[in-house]
Amino acid sequence: MEIYNLIDDDTRDKLNAVHRPKHKNTERLSKRDWEEIMGTRRDTFKKVNGKVKRK
């Protein structure tokens, strides 16, 4: 016999509430946003004549 059949309705509702999926984030991120999150859109620096310059 399963535990689910032995518990009362109130407890069963509480268990179902725990297992229900939460609201998912519906905001879609653009390709540029993903690149910023991953760190690929960072400034690159180069040393020129002893100075550090941004590319």
PDB file of N, CA and C in Angstrom:
ATOM      1  N   MET A   1       0.845  -1.174   0.000  1.00  0.00           N
ATOM      2  CA  MET A   1       0.000   0.000   0.000  1.00  0.00           C
ATOM      3  C   MET A   1       0.894   1.243   0.000  1.00  0.00           C
ATOM      4  N   GLU A   2       0.461   2.265  -0.714  1.00  0.00           N
ATOM      5  CA  GLU A   2       1.254   3.485  -0.824  1.00  0.00           C
ATOM      6  C   GLU A   2       0.917   4.462   0.298  1.00  0.00           C
ATOM      7  N   ILE A   3       1.889   5.251   0.663  1.00  0.00           N
ATOM      8  CA  ILE A   3       1.685   6.262   1.705  1.00  0.00           C
ATOM      9  C   ILE A   3       0.666   7.290   1.240  1.00  0.00           C
ATOM     10  N   TYR A   4       0.674   7.569  -0.058  1.00  0.00           N
ATOM     11  CA  TYR A   4      -0.232   8.574  -0.608  1.00  0.00           C
ATOM     12  C   TYR A   4      -1.690   8.223  -0.323  1.00  0.00           C
ATOM     13  N   ASN A   5      -2.014   6.936  -0.272  1.00  0.00           N
ATOM     14  CA  ASN A   5      -3.381   6.501   0.006  1.00  0.00           C
ATOM     15  C   ASN A   5      -3.707   6.561   1.496  1.00  0.00           C
ATOM     16  N   LEU A   6      -2.704   6.537   2.353  1.00  0.00           N
ATOM     17  CA  LEU A   6      -2.924   6.504   3.794  1.00  0.00           C
ATOM     18  C   LEU A   6      -3.102   7.881   4.423  1.00  0.00           C
ATOM     19  N   ILE A   7      -2.563   8.941   3.801  1.00  0.00           N
ATOM     20  CA  ILE A   7      -2.621  10.266   4.430  1.00  0.00           C
ATOM     21  C   ILE A   7      -3.949  10.946   4.116  1.00  0.00           C
ATOM     22  N   ASP A   8      -4.296  11.910   4.958  1.00  0.00           N
ATOM     23  CA  ASP A   8      -5.568  12.601   4.762  1.00  0.00           C
ATOM     24  C   ASP A   8      -5.459  13.654   3.658  1.00  0.00           C
ATOM     25  N   ASP A   9      -6.570  14.229   3.286  1.00  0.00           N
ATOM     26  CA  ASP A   9      -6.633  15.151   2.147  1.00  0.00           C
ATOM     27  C   ASP A   9      -5.816  16.422   2.371  1.00  0.00           C
ATOM     28  N   ASP A  10      -5.832  16.953   3.606  1.00  0.00           N
ATOM     29  CA  ASP A  10      -5.084  18.181   3.879  1.00  0.00           C
ATOM     30  C   ASP A  10      -3.587  17.979   3.685  1.00  0.00           C
ATOM     31  N   THR A  11      -3.085  16.892   4.217  1.00  0.00           N
ATOM     32  CA  THR A  11      -1.659  16.603   4.080  1.00  0.00           C
ATOM     33  C   THR A  11      -1.304  16.334   2.623  1.00  0.00           C
ATOM     34  N   ARG A  12      -2.182  15.675   1.905  1.00  0.00           N
ATOM     35  CA  ARG A  12      -1.961  15.393   0.491  1.00  0.00           C
ATOM     36  C   ARG A  12      -1.889  16.695  -0.316  1.00  0.00           C
ATOM     37  N   ASP A  13      -2.759  17.659   0.013  1.00  0.00           N
ATOM     38  CA  ASP A  13      -2.724  18.949  -0.670  1.00  0.00           C
ATOM     39  C   ASP A  13      -1.425  19.691  -0.385  1.00  0.00           C
ATOM     40  N   LYS A  14      -0.954  19.612   0.857  1.00  0.00           N
ATOM     41  CA  LYS A  14       0.309  20.267   1.200  1.00  0.00           C
ATOM     42  C   LYS A  14       1.478  19.646   0.438  1.00  0.00           C
ATOM     43  N   LEU A  15       1.483  18.321   0.325  1.00  0.00           N
ATOM     44  CA  LEU A  15       2.544  17.645  -0.419  1.00  0.00           C
ATOM     45  C   LEU A  15       2.500  18.014  -1.902  1.00  0.00           C
ATOM     46  N   ASN A  16       1.309  18.101  -2.451  1.00  0.00           N
ATOM     47  CA  ASN A  16       1.184  18.483  -3.858  1.00  0.00           C
ATOM     48  C   ASN A  16       1.653  19.914  -4.087  1.00  0.00           C
ATOM     49  N   ALA A  17       1.410  20.788  -3.115  1.00  0.00           N
ATOM     50  CA  ALA A  17       1.845  22.173  -3.244  1.00  0.00           C
ATOM     51  C   ALA A  17       3.366  22.266  -3.262  1.00  0.00           C
ATOM     52  N   VAL A  18       4.033  21.404  -2.523  1.00  0.00           N
ATOM     53  CA  VAL A  18       5.490  21.405  -2.489  1.00  0.00           C
ATOM     54  C   VAL A  18       6.054  20.933  -3.822  1.00  0.00           C
ATOM     55  N   HIS A  19       5.413  19.969  -4.434  1.00  0.00           N
ATOM     56  CA  HIS A  19       5.929  19.380  -5.669  1.00  0.00           C
ATOM     57  C   HIS A  19       5.546  20.144  -6.928  1.00  0.00           C
ATOM     58  N   ARG A  20       4.668  21.110  -6.819  1.00  0.00           N
ATOM     59  CA  ARG A  20       4.293  21.892  -8.001  1.00  0.00           C
ATOM     60  C   ARG A  20       5.453  22.773  -8.430  1.00  0.00           C
ATOM     61  N   PRO A  21       5.650  22.926  -9.731  1.00  0.00           N
ATOM     62  CA  PRO A  21       6.743  23.796 -10.190  1.00  0.00           C
ATOM     63  C   PRO A  21       6.444  25.255  -9.878  1.00  0.00           C
ATOM     64  N   LYS A  22       7.490  25.970  -9.563  1.00  0.00           N
ATOM     65  CA  LYS A  22       7.363  27.401  -9.277  1.00  0.00           C
ATOM     66  C   LYS A  22       7.220  28.174 -10.591  1.00  0.00           C
ATOM     67  N   HIS A  23       6.915  29.456 -10.466  1.00  0.00           N
ATOM     68  CA  HIS A  23       6.804  30.294 -11.658  1.00  0.00           C
ATOM     69  C   HIS A  23       8.168  30.430 -12.302  1.00  0.00           C
ATOM     70  N   LYS A  24       8.219  30.154 -13.577  1.00  0.00           N
ATOM     71  CA  LYS A  24       9.490  30.259 -14.277  1.00  0.00           C
ATOM     72  C   LYS A  24       9.713  31.695 -14.726  1.00  0.00           C
ATOM     73  N   ASN A  25      10.970  32.046 -14.892  1.00  0.00           N
ATOM     74  CA  ASN A  25      11.321  33.379 -15.363  1.00  0.00           C
ATOM     75  C   ASN A  25      10.970  33.460 -16.850  1.00  0.00           C
ATOM     76  N   THR A  26      10.000  34.291 -17.186  1.00  0.00           N
ATOM     77  CA  THR A  26       9.531  34.369 -18.567  1.00  0.00           C
ATOM     78  C   THR A  26      10.329  35.376 -19.387  1.00  0.00           C
ATOM     79  N   GLU A  27      11.227  36.099 -18.739  1.00  0.00           N
ATOM     80  CA  GLU A  27      12.017  37.093 -19.457  1.00  0.00           C
ATOM     81  C   GLU A  27      13.060  36.392 -20.328  1.00  0.00           C
ATOM     82  N   ARG A  28      13.044  36.716 -21.614  1.00  0.00           N
ATOM     83  CA  ARG A  28      13.996  36.128 -22.541  1.00  0.00           C
ATOM     84  C   ARG A  28      15.197  37.049 -22.656  1.00  0.00           C
ATOM     85  N   LEU A  29      16.388  36.489 -22.521  1.00  0.00           N
ATOM     86  CA  LEU A  29      17.601  37.281 -22.621  1.00  0.00           C
ATOM     87  C   LEU A  29      18.094  37.268 -24.059  1.00  0.00           C
ATOM     88  N   SER A  30      18.564  38.412 -24.503  1.00  0.00           N
ATOM     89  CA  SER A  30      19.075  38.506 -25.870  1.00  0.00           C
ATOM     90  C   SER A  30      20.479  37.908 -25.948  1.00  0.00           C
ATOM     91  N   LYS A  31      20.968  37.763 -27.155  1.00  0.00           N
ATOM     92  CA  LYS A  31      22.299  37.184 -27.354  1.00  0.00           C
ATOM     93  C   LYS A  31      23.359  38.079 -26.724  1.00  0.00           C
ATOM     94  N   ARG A  32      23.179  39.389 -26.829  1.00  0.00           N
ATOM     95  CA  ARG A  32      24.141  40.323 -26.242  1.00  0.00           C
ATOM     96  C   ARG A  32      24.154  40.213 -24.719  1.00  0.00           C
ATOM     97  N   ASP A  33      22.977  40.064 -24.113  1.00  0.00           N
ATOM     98  CA  ASP A  33      22.909  39.900 -22.664  1.00  0.00           C
ATOM     99  C   ASP A  33      23.647  38.647 -22.219  1.00  0.00           C
ATOM    100  N   TRP A  34      23.460  37.540 -22.959  1.00  0.00           N
ATOM    101  CA  TRP A  34      24.159  36.300 -22.607  1.00  0.00           C
ATOM    102  C   TRP A  34      25.662  36.462 -22.731  1.00  0.00           C
ATOM    103  N   GLU A  35      26.106  37.185 -23.759  1.00  0.00           N
ATOM    104  CA  GLU A  35      27.544  37.402 -23.922  1.00  0.00           C
ATOM    105  C   GLU A  35      28.106  38.216 -22.774  1.00  0.00           C
ATOM    106  N   GLU A  36      27.348  39.193 -22.286  1.00  0.00           N
ATOM    107  CA  GLU A  36      27.799  39.986 -21.149  1.00  0.00           C
ATOM    108  C   GLU A  36      27.854  39.133 -19.880  1.00  0.00           C
ATOM    109  N   ILE A  37      26.870  38.263 -19.700  1.00  0.00           N
ATOM    110  CA  ILE A  37      26.850  37.398 -18.523  1.00  0.00           C
ATOM    111  C   ILE A  37      28.050  36.455 -18.540  1.00  0.00           C
ATOM    112  N   MET A  38      28.362  35.898 -19.704  1.00  0.00           N
ATOM    113  CA  MET A  38      29.465  34.946 -19.813  1.00  0.00           C
ATOM    114  C   MET A  38      30.832  35.628 -19.801  1.00  0.00           C
ATOM    115  N   GLY A  39      30.865  36.946 -20.010  1.00  0.00           N
ATOM    116  CA  GLY A  39      32.127  37.676 -19.942  1.00  0.00           C
ATOM    117  C   GLY A  39      32.863  37.766 -21.260  1.00  0.00           C
ATOM    118  N   THR A  40      32.210  37.490 -22.381  1.00  0.00           N
ATOM    119  CA  THR A  40      32.892  37.573 -23.664  1.00  0.00           C
ATOM    120  C   THR A  40      32.901  38.997 -24.207  1.00  0.00           C
ATOM    121  N   ARG A  41      32.079  39.865 -23.671  1.00  0.00           N
ATOM    122  CA  ARG A  41      32.044  41.261 -24.116  1.00  0.00           C
ATOM    123  C   ARG A  41      32.807  42.142 -23.142  1.00  0.00           C
ATOM    124  N   ARG A  42      34.026  41.792 -22.859  1.00  0.00           N
ATOM    125  CA  ARG A  42      34.854  42.588 -21.969  1.00  0.00           C
ATOM    126  C   ARG A  42      35.903  43.324 -22.781  1.00  0.00           C
ATOM    127  N   ASP A  43      36.352  44.437 -22.252  1.00  0.00           N
ATOM    128  CA  ASP A  43      37.410  45.186 -22.925  1.00  0.00           C
ATOM    129  C   ASP A  43      38.697  44.376 -22.906  1.00  0.00           C
ATOM    130  N   THR A  44      39.435  44.479 -24.004  1.00  0.00           N
ATOM    131  CA  THR A  44      40.740  43.823 -24.060  1.00  0.00           C
ATOM    132  C   THR A  44      41.802  44.905 -24.003  1.00  0.00           C
ATOM    133  N   PHE A  45      42.885  44.614 -23.319  1.00  0.00           N
ATOM    134  CA  PHE A  45      43.950  45.582 -23.135  1.00  0.00           C
ATOM    135  C   PHE A  45      45.219  45.071 -23.785  1.00  0.00           C
ATOM    136  N   LYS A  46      45.997  46.027 -24.301  1.00  0.00           N
ATOM    137  CA  LYS A  46      47.235  45.668 -24.973  1.00  0.00           C
ATOM    138  C   LYS A  46      48.315  46.642 -24.512  1.00  0.00           C
ATOM    139  N   LYS A  47      49.491  46.114 -24.308  1.00  0.00           N
ATOM    140  CA  LYS A  47      50.585  46.963 -23.866  1.00  0.00           C
ATOM    141  C   LYS A  47      51.297  47.523 -25.101  1.00  0.00           C
ATOM    142  N   VAL A  48      51.348  48.857 -25.199  1.00  0.00           N
ATOM    143  CA  VAL A  48      51.986  49.532 -26.329  1.00  0.00           C
ATOM    144  C   VAL A  48      52.953  50.575 -25.776  1.00  0.00           C
ATOM    145  N   ASN A  49      54.249  50.393 -26.069  1.00  0.00           N
ATOM    146  CA  ASN A  49      55.285  51.321 -25.618  1.00  0.00           C
ATOM    147  C   ASN A  49      55.238  51.547 -24.105  1.00  0.00           C
ATOM    148  N   GLY A  50      55.004  50.504 -23.347  1.00  0.00           N
ATOM    149  CA  GLY A  50      54.996  50.615 -21.897  1.00  0.00           C
ATOM    150  C   GLY A  50      53.671  51.072 -21.313  1.00  0.00           C
ATOM    151  N   LYS A  51      52.725  51.474 -22.160  1.00  0.00           N
ATOM    152  CA  LYS A  51      51.414  51.912 -21.686  1.00  0.00           C
ATOM    153  C   LYS A  51      50.401  50.803 -21.959  1.00  0.00           C
ATOM    154  N   VAL A  52      49.394  50.753 -21.131  1.00  0.00           N
ATOM    155  CA  VAL A  52      48.327  49.769 -21.333  1.00  0.00           C
ATOM    156  C   VAL A  52      47.167  50.495 -21.998  1.00  0.00           C
ATOM    157  N   LYS A  53      46.803  50.051 -23.196  1.00  0.00           N
ATOM    158  CA  LYS A  53      45.721  50.694 -23.940  1.00  0.00           C
ATOM    159  C   LYS A  53      44.578  49.720 -24.142  1.00  0.00           C
ATOM    160  N   ARG A  54      43.406  50.283 -24.210  1.00  0.00           N
ATOM    161  CA  ARG A  54      42.217  49.481 -24.438  1.00  0.00           C
ATOM    162  C   ARG A  54      41.998  49.321 -25.930  1.00  0.00           C
ATOM    163  N   LYS A  55      41.695  48.128 -26.351  1.00  0.00           N
ATOM    164  CA  LYS A  55      41.437  47.864 -27.765  1.00  0.00           C
ATOM    165  C   LYS A  55      40.040  48.224 -28.136  1.00  0.00           C
TER     166      LYS A  55
END
